[in-house]
Amino acid sequence: MKTKTKILSGIAAALLLTSGASLAYFTDSTVKNNVFTIGSVRSVLHEEKWDAYPDMNKNDIPDIAENIVPLNRINKDPKIENTGKNAFYAFIQVDMPMIDAITVNAEDGSKNERAITELFEFHYNDTWQQLSHILNDNNATYVFGYKKVLEPGQTTDTLFDTVQFVNFIEAQGLEDQTETITVKSMAIQSEETGTMQEAYEKFIAQNPEHKVGE
């Protein structure tokens, strides 16, 4: 009888040990993925009136810009479109060719003194601000900033609408020459960059190769 009792006690103890080892706990775990989409700053430079001029000889120069003479006025209308996902500040750089030449006074027709002169004149619109004007060896470089933040899908006003060839005296070596006006657009995010001028200064500090006059 004692032996039977010992066996039963051993079995009970074993069951208790087994029961204790198989206890389970309710647990839970949650993972939350924080998804971010990266924006984009993209722009397109348009010159619709300039691009609309015919080029009958297919030399990539509008016919109206060939064989020009003093005081010719030609449509040239640069503006920037925001084609990206984020707002930005818009900038346009204009490189204007220069020569050492004698020009005619527009008021009385008299000759001006020989001087370094920009070959084309333009008047920029008041929605743009001139940030710099640097005279280099062969050209004058302007930088303009658009006064408003440009939202996605928006387009700036034109920087200017026409350029006019200066009234220079002939026989100064300009005849049969080819000259180029270079227009370059830039776009800088408007968030976290301060004002338009501050954004441009930060851009130049990080990208000194774009500094005008360098």
C-alpha atoms as a PDB file:
ATOM      1  CA  MET A   1       0.000   0.000   0.000  1.00  0.00           C
ATOM      2  CA  LYS A   2       2.842   2.318   0.844  1.00  0.00           C
ATOM      3  CA  THR A   3       4.452   1.516  -2.483  1.00  0.00           C
ATOM      4  CA  LYS A   4       1.242   2.410  -4.341  1.00  0.00           C
ATOM      5  CA  THR A   5       0.990   5.683  -2.454  1.00  0.00           C
ATOM      6  CA  LYS A   6       4.564   6.593  -3.383  1.00  0.00           C
ATOM      7  CA  ILE A   7       3.902   5.848  -7.046  1.00  0.00           C
ATOM      8  CA  LEU A   8       0.755   8.002  -7.052  1.00  0.00           C
ATOM      9  CA  SER A   9       2.611  10.814  -5.318  1.00  0.00           C
ATOM     10  CA  GLY A  10       5.392  10.628  -7.908  1.00  0.00           C
ATOM     11  CA  ILE A  11       2.888  10.755 -10.747  1.00  0.00           C
ATOM     12  CA  ALA A  12       1.135  13.766  -9.192  1.00  0.00           C
ATOM     13  CA  ALA A  13       4.434  15.574  -8.783  1.00  0.00           C
ATOM     14  CA  ALA A  14       5.351  14.857 -12.369  1.00  0.00           C
ATOM     15  CA  LEU A  15       2.000  16.185 -13.561  1.00  0.00           C
ATOM     16  CA  LEU A  16       2.483  19.358 -11.562  1.00  0.00           C
ATOM     17  CA  LEU A  17       5.903  19.892 -13.072  1.00  0.00           C
ATOM     18  CA  THR A  18       4.583  19.199 -16.548  1.00  0.00           C
ATOM     19  CA  SER A  19       1.632  21.547 -16.053  1.00  0.00           C
ATOM     20  CA  GLY A  20       3.874  24.336 -14.842  1.00  0.00           C
ATOM     21  CA  ALA A  21       6.184  24.026 -17.829  1.00  0.00           C
ATOM     22  CA  SER A  22       3.341  24.342 -20.341  1.00  0.00           C
ATOM     23  CA  LEU A  23       1.881  27.624 -19.079  1.00  0.00           C
ATOM     24  CA  ALA A  24       1.473  30.247 -21.883  1.00  0.00           C
ATOM     25  CA  TYR A  25       1.202  34.093 -21.799  1.00  0.00           C
ATOM     26  CA  PHE A  26      -0.922  36.346 -24.002  1.00  0.00           C
ATOM     27  CA  THR A  27       1.393  38.829 -25.764  1.00  0.00           C
ATOM     28  CA  ASP A  28       1.043  41.491 -28.472  1.00  0.00           C
ATOM     29  CA  SER A  29       3.409  43.438 -30.749  1.00  0.00           C
ATOM     30  CA  THR A  30       2.638  46.300 -33.144  1.00  0.00           C
ATOM     31  CA  VAL A  31       4.796  47.681 -35.951  1.00  0.00           C
ATOM     32  CA  LYS A  32       3.980  51.037 -37.539  1.00  0.00           C
ATOM     33  CA  ASN A  33       5.743  51.956 -40.753  1.00  0.00           C
ATOM     34  CA  ASN A  34       6.119  55.735 -41.191  1.00  0.00           C
ATOM     35  CA  VAL A  35       6.029  56.250 -44.934  1.00  0.00           C
ATOM     36  CA  PHE A  36       7.465  59.390 -46.515  1.00  0.00           C
ATOM     37  CA  THR A  37       7.316  60.461 -50.144  1.00  0.00           C
ATOM     38  CA  ILE A  38      10.201  62.560 -51.399  1.00  0.00           C
ATOM     39  CA  GLY A  39       9.230  65.711 -53.251  1.00  0.00           C
ATOM     40  CA  SER A  40      10.845  67.170 -56.343  1.00  0.00           C
ATOM     41  CA  VAL A  41      11.868  70.557 -57.684  1.00  0.00           C
ATOM     42  CA  ARG A  42      11.590  70.604 -61.464  1.00  0.00           C
ATOM     43  CA  SER A  43      11.244  73.498 -63.862  1.00  0.00           C
ATOM     44  CA  VAL A  44      10.949  74.226 -67.558  1.00  0.00           C
ATOM     45  CA  LEU A  45      12.173  77.411 -69.248  1.00  0.00           C
ATOM     46  CA  HIS A  46       9.748  78.668 -71.904  1.00  0.00           C
ATOM     47  CA  GLU A  47      10.228  81.282 -74.647  1.00  0.00           C
ATOM     48  CA  GLU A  48       6.978  80.866 -76.531  1.00  0.00           C
ATOM     49  CA  LYS A  49       7.127  83.897 -78.831  1.00  0.00           C
ATOM     50  CA  TRP A  50      10.779  83.308 -79.664  1.00  0.00           C
ATOM     51  CA  ASP A  51      10.127  79.611 -80.339  1.00  0.00           C
ATOM     52  CA  ALA A  52       7.160  80.491 -82.570  1.00  0.00           C
ATOM     53  CA  TYR A  53       9.329  82.373 -85.063  1.00  0.00           C
ATOM     54  CA  PRO A  54       9.811  80.467 -88.355  1.00  0.00           C
ATOM     55  CA  ASP A  55      13.193  79.006 -89.259  1.00  0.00           C
ATOM     56  CA  MET A  56      12.874  78.374 -92.969  1.00  0.00           C
ATOM     57  CA  ASN A  57      16.525  77.383 -93.533  1.00  0.00           C
ATOM     58  CA  LYS A  58      16.518  74.991 -90.529  1.00  0.00           C
ATOM     59  CA  ASN A  59      19.703  76.353 -88.950  1.00  0.00           C
ATOM     60  CA  ASP A  60      18.185  76.696 -85.447  1.00  0.00           C
ATOM     61  CA  ILE A  61      18.195  80.487 -85.739  1.00  0.00           C
ATOM     62  CA  PRO A  62      14.801  82.160 -86.237  1.00  0.00           C
ATOM     63  CA  ASP A  63      14.735  83.971 -89.557  1.00  0.00           C
ATOM     64  CA  ILE A  64      13.922  87.255 -87.830  1.00  0.00           C
ATOM     65  CA  ALA A  65      17.160  86.997 -85.822  1.00  0.00           C
ATOM     66  CA  GLU A  66      19.329  86.675 -88.929  1.00  0.00           C
ATOM     67  CA  ASN A  67      21.005  89.666 -90.581  1.00  0.00           C
ATOM     68  CA  ILE A  68      19.654  92.107 -88.013  1.00  0.00           C
ATOM     69  CA  VAL A  69      20.353  95.831 -88.178  1.00  0.00           C
ATOM     70  CA  PRO A  70      20.555  98.526 -85.474  1.00  0.00           C
ATOM     71  CA  LEU A  71      17.324  99.151 -83.544  1.00  0.00           C
ATOM     72  CA  ASN A  72      15.687  95.879 -84.645  1.00  0.00           C
ATOM     73  CA  ARG A  73      13.337  94.768 -81.862  1.00  0.00           C
ATOM     74  CA  ILE A  74      12.690  91.029 -81.503  1.00  0.00           C
ATOM     75  CA  ASN A  75      10.288  89.094 -79.304  1.00  0.00           C
ATOM     76  CA  LYS A  76      12.097  87.163 -76.591  1.00  0.00           C
ATOM     77  CA  ASP A  77       9.997  86.161 -73.579  1.00  0.00           C
ATOM     78  CA  PRO A  78      11.679  83.882 -70.997  1.00  0.00           C
ATOM     79  CA  LYS A  79       9.524  82.494 -68.191  1.00  0.00           C
ATOM     80  CA  ILE A  80       9.671  79.474 -65.867  1.00  0.00           C
ATOM     81  CA  GLU A  81       7.062  76.768 -65.244  1.00  0.00           C
ATOM     82  CA  ASN A  82       6.987  74.675 -62.047  1.00  0.00           C
ATOM     83  CA  THR A  83       6.599  71.060 -63.234  1.00  0.00           C
ATOM     84  CA  GLY A  84       7.639  69.443 -59.941  1.00  0.00           C
ATOM     85  CA  LYS A  85       5.839  68.600 -56.694  1.00  0.00           C
ATOM     86  CA  ASN A  86       7.202  71.328 -54.428  1.00  0.00           C
ATOM     87  CA  ALA A  87       7.051  75.112 -54.427  1.00  0.00           C
ATOM     88  CA  PHE A  88      10.235  76.967 -55.330  1.00  0.00           C
ATOM     89  CA  TYR A  89      11.875  80.315 -55.941  1.00  0.00           C
ATOM     90  CA  ALA A  90      12.542  80.951 -59.650  1.00  0.00           C
ATOM     91  CA  PHE A  91      15.661  82.627 -61.006  1.00  0.00           C
ATOM     92  CA  ILE A  92      16.845  83.555 -64.495  1.00  0.00           C
ATOM     93  CA  GLN A  93      20.405  84.341 -65.506  1.00  0.00           C
ATOM     94  CA  VAL A  94      20.960  86.331 -68.699  1.00  0.00           C
ATOM     95  CA  ASP A  95      24.353  86.569 -70.402  1.00  0.00           C
ATOM     96  CA  MET A  96      24.380  89.534 -72.770  1.00  0.00           C
ATOM     97  CA  PRO A  97      27.198  89.973 -75.341  1.00  0.00           C
ATOM     98  CA  MET A  98      29.217  93.204 -75.210  1.00  0.00           C
ATOM     99  CA  ILE A  99      31.526  95.077 -77.576  1.00  0.00           C
ATOM    100  CA  ASP A 100      33.793  98.104 -77.437  1.00  0.00           C
ATOM    101  CA  ALA A 101      31.926 100.344 -79.862  1.00  0.00           C
ATOM    102  CA  ILE A 102      30.579 103.757 -80.760  1.00  0.00           C
ATOM    103  CA  THR A 103      26.810 104.068 -80.542  1.00  0.00           C
ATOM    104  CA  VAL A 104      24.335 106.767 -81.510  1.00  0.00           C
ATOM    105  CA  ASN A 105      22.609 108.962 -78.938  1.00  0.00           C
ATOM    106  CA  ALA A 106      18.913 108.122 -79.124  1.00  0.00           C
ATOM    107  CA  GLU A 107      17.823 111.671 -78.243  1.00  0.00           C
ATOM    108  CA  ASP A 108      19.689 113.819 -80.762  1.00  0.00           C
ATOM    109  CA  GLY A 109      21.380 111.357 -83.124  1.00  0.00           C
ATOM    110  CA  SER A 110      24.908 112.391 -82.120  1.00  0.00           C
ATOM    111  CA  LYS A 111      27.737 109.932 -81.617  1.00  0.00           C
ATOM    112  CA  ASN A 112      28.452 108.663 -78.135  1.00  0.00           C
ATOM    113  CA  GLU A 113      31.984 108.156 -76.906  1.00  0.00           C
ATOM    114  CA  ARG A 114      33.451 104.724 -77.584  1.00  0.00           C
ATOM    115  CA  ALA A 115      32.598 102.445 -74.672  1.00  0.00           C
ATOM    116  CA  ILE A 116      31.975  98.855 -73.671  1.00  0.00           C
ATOM    117  CA  THR A 117      28.354  98.372 -74.668  1.00  0.00           C
ATOM    118  CA  GLU A 118      25.798  95.591 -74.327  1.00  0.00           C
ATOM    119  CA  LEU A 119      24.576  94.643 -77.801  1.00  0.00           C
ATOM    120  CA  PHE A 120      20.925  94.301 -76.818  1.00  0.00           C
ATOM    121  CA  GLU A 121      18.681  96.296 -74.536  1.00  0.00           C
ATOM    122  CA  PHE A 122      15.724  94.969 -72.561  1.00  0.00           C
ATOM    123  CA  HIS A 123      13.380  96.121 -69.823  1.00  0.00           C
ATOM    124  CA  TYR A 124      12.518  93.566 -67.168  1.00  0.00           C
ATOM    125  CA  ASN A 125       9.043  93.286 -65.681  1.00  0.00           C
ATOM    126  CA  ASP A 126       8.359  94.478 -62.138  1.00  0.00           C
ATOM    127  CA  THR A 127       7.392  91.017 -60.843  1.00  0.00           C
ATOM    128  CA  TRP A 128      11.119  90.206 -61.049  1.00  0.00           C
ATOM    129  CA  GLN A 129      13.943  91.595 -58.912  1.00  0.00           C
ATOM    130  CA  GLN A 130      17.441  92.170 -60.234  1.00  0.00           C
ATOM    131  CA  LEU A 131      19.907  90.463 -57.876  1.00  0.00           C
ATOM    132  CA  SER A 132      23.168  91.162 -59.683  1.00  0.00           C
ATOM    133  CA  HIS A 133      24.737  92.676 -62.792  1.00  0.00           C
ATOM    134  CA  ILE A 134      28.351  91.709 -63.433  1.00  0.00           C
ATOM    135  CA  LEU A 135      30.508  92.861 -66.349  1.00  0.00           C
ATOM    136  CA  ASN A 136      32.861  90.153 -67.589  1.00  0.00           C
ATOM    137  CA  ASP A 137      35.354  90.244 -70.462  1.00  0.00           C
ATOM    138  CA  ASN A 138      32.912  89.689 -73.305  1.00  0.00           C
ATOM    139  CA  ASN A 139      29.479  89.751 -71.727  1.00  0.00           C
ATOM    140  CA  ALA A 140      27.305  91.218 -69.003  1.00  0.00           C
ATOM    141  CA  THR A 141      25.663  88.704 -66.670  1.00  0.00           C
ATOM    142  CA  TYR A 142      22.390  89.460 -64.935  1.00  0.00           C
ATOM    143  CA  VAL A 143      20.592  87.384 -62.315  1.00  0.00           C
ATOM    144  CA  PHE A 144      16.916  88.003 -61.586  1.00  0.00           C
ATOM    145  CA  GLY A 145      14.685  86.442 -58.942  1.00  0.00           C
ATOM    146  CA  TYR A 146      10.909  86.082 -59.213  1.00  0.00           C
ATOM    147  CA  LYS A 147       9.275  87.935 -56.316  1.00  0.00           C
ATOM    148  CA  LYS A 148       6.615  85.280 -55.624  1.00  0.00           C
ATOM    149  CA  VAL A 149       6.946  81.660 -54.536  1.00  0.00           C
ATOM    150  CA  LEU A 150       6.042  79.497 -57.533  1.00  0.00           C
ATOM    151  CA  GLU A 151       3.650  76.687 -56.637  1.00  0.00           C
ATOM    152  CA  PRO A 152       3.443  73.394 -58.591  1.00  0.00           C
ATOM    153  CA  GLY A 153       1.671  73.946 -61.917  1.00  0.00           C
ATOM    154  CA  GLN A 154       2.245  77.712 -61.905  1.00  0.00           C
ATOM    155  CA  THR A 155       4.286  79.749 -64.395  1.00  0.00           C
ATOM    156  CA  THR A 156       6.096  83.022 -63.787  1.00  0.00           C
ATOM    157  CA  ASP A 157       5.432  86.200 -65.680  1.00  0.00           C
ATOM    158  CA  THR A 158       7.913  86.786 -68.497  1.00  0.00           C
ATOM    159  CA  LEU A 159      11.211  88.303 -67.375  1.00  0.00           C
ATOM    160  CA  PHE A 160      11.107  90.599 -70.403  1.00  0.00           C
ATOM    161  CA  ASP A 161       9.196  90.537 -73.680  1.00  0.00           C
ATOM    162  CA  THR A 162      11.576  91.924 -76.306  1.00  0.00           C
ATOM    163  CA  VAL A 163      15.234  92.673 -76.912  1.00  0.00           C
ATOM    164  CA  GLN A 164      16.432  95.537 -79.099  1.00  0.00           C
ATOM    165  CA  PHE A 165      19.703  95.643 -80.991  1.00  0.00           C
ATOM    166  CA  VAL A 166      21.673  98.773 -80.052  1.00  0.00           C
ATOM    167  CA  ASN A 167      22.092 101.665 -82.471  1.00  0.00           C
ATOM    168  CA  PHE A 168      25.805 101.308 -83.226  1.00  0.00           C
ATOM    169  CA  ILE A 169      27.884 102.980 -85.905  1.00  0.00           C
ATOM    170  CA  GLU A 170      28.835 100.670 -88.778  1.00  0.00           C
ATOM    171  CA  ALA A 171      32.333  99.520 -89.726  1.00  0.00           C
ATOM    172  CA  GLN A 172      33.333  98.499 -86.194  1.00  0.00           C
ATOM    173  CA  GLY A 173      33.840  94.816 -86.911  1.00  0.00           C
ATOM    174  CA  LEU A 174      30.344  93.645 -86.000  1.00  0.00           C
ATOM    175  CA  GLU A 175      29.212  92.992 -89.553  1.00  0.00           C
ATOM    176  CA  ASP A 176      28.703  89.305 -90.400  1.00  0.00           C
ATOM    177  CA  GLN A 177      29.379  88.274 -86.797  1.00  0.00           C
ATOM    178  CA  THR A 178      27.287  85.837 -84.745  1.00  0.00           C
ATOM    179  CA  GLU A 179      26.372  86.863 -81.203  1.00  0.00           C
ATOM    180  CA  THR A 180      24.455  84.891 -78.569  1.00  0.00           C
ATOM    181  CA  ILE A 181      22.168  85.833 -75.694  1.00  0.00           C
ATOM    182  CA  THR A 182      22.232  82.982 -73.165  1.00  0.00           C
ATOM    183  CA  VAL A 183      19.266  82.537 -70.830  1.00  0.00           C
ATOM    184  CA  LYS A 184      19.452  80.003 -67.981  1.00  0.00           C
ATOM    185  CA  SER A 185      16.760  79.164 -65.432  1.00  0.00           C
ATOM    186  CA  MET A 186      17.278  78.004 -61.853  1.00  0.00           C
ATOM    187  CA  ALA A 187      14.809  76.750 -59.236  1.00  0.00           C
ATOM    188  CA  ILE A 188      15.469  76.523 -55.486  1.00  0.00           C
ATOM    189  CA  GLN A 189      13.041  75.034 -52.958  1.00  0.00           C
ATOM    190  CA  SER A 190      11.209  77.717 -50.990  1.00  0.00           C
ATOM    191  CA  GLU A 191      10.684  75.677 -47.813  1.00  0.00           C
ATOM    192  CA  GLU A 192      13.419  75.968 -45.180  1.00  0.00           C
ATOM    193  CA  THR A 193      15.475  78.390 -47.276  1.00  0.00           C
ATOM    194  CA  GLY A 194      14.291  81.807 -46.052  1.00  0.00           C
ATOM    195  CA  THR A 195      13.510  84.661 -48.410  1.00  0.00           C
ATOM    196  CA  MET A 196      14.066  84.540 -52.148  1.00  0.00           C
ATOM    197  CA  GLN A 197      17.390  86.365 -51.862  1.00  0.00           C
ATOM    198  CA  GLU A 198      18.500  84.242 -48.887  1.00  0.00           C
ATOM    199  CA  ALA A 199      17.683  81.076 -50.855  1.00  0.00           C
ATOM    200  CA  TYR A 200      19.845  82.265 -53.752  1.00  0.00           C
ATOM    201  CA  GLU A 201      22.751  83.139 -51.435  1.00  0.00           C
ATOM    202  CA  LYS A 202      22.583  79.682 -49.820  1.00  0.00           C
ATOM    203  CA  PHE A 203      22.511  78.052 -53.259  1.00  0.00           C
ATOM    204  CA  ILE A 204      25.603  79.983 -54.357  1.00  0.00           C
ATOM    205  CA  ALA A 205      27.399  79.133 -51.091  1.00  0.00           C
ATOM    206  CA  GLN A 206      26.823  75.426 -51.771  1.00  0.00           C
ATOM    207  CA  ASN A 207      27.403  75.657 -55.534  1.00  0.00           C
ATOM    208  CA  PRO A 208      30.143  78.260 -56.069  1.00  0.00           C
ATOM    209  CA  GLU A 209      30.517  77.209 -59.707  1.00  0.00           C
ATOM    210  CA  HIS A 210      27.194  79.021 -60.331  1.00  0.00           C
ATOM    211  CA  LYS A 211      28.429  82.299 -58.844  1.00  0.00           C
ATOM    212  CA  VAL A 212      28.077  85.105 -61.354  1.00  0.00           C
ATOM    213  CA  GLY A 213      31.415  86.493 -62.442  1.00  0.00           C
ATOM    214  CA  GLU A 214      33.383  83.406 -61.417  1.00  0.00           C
END
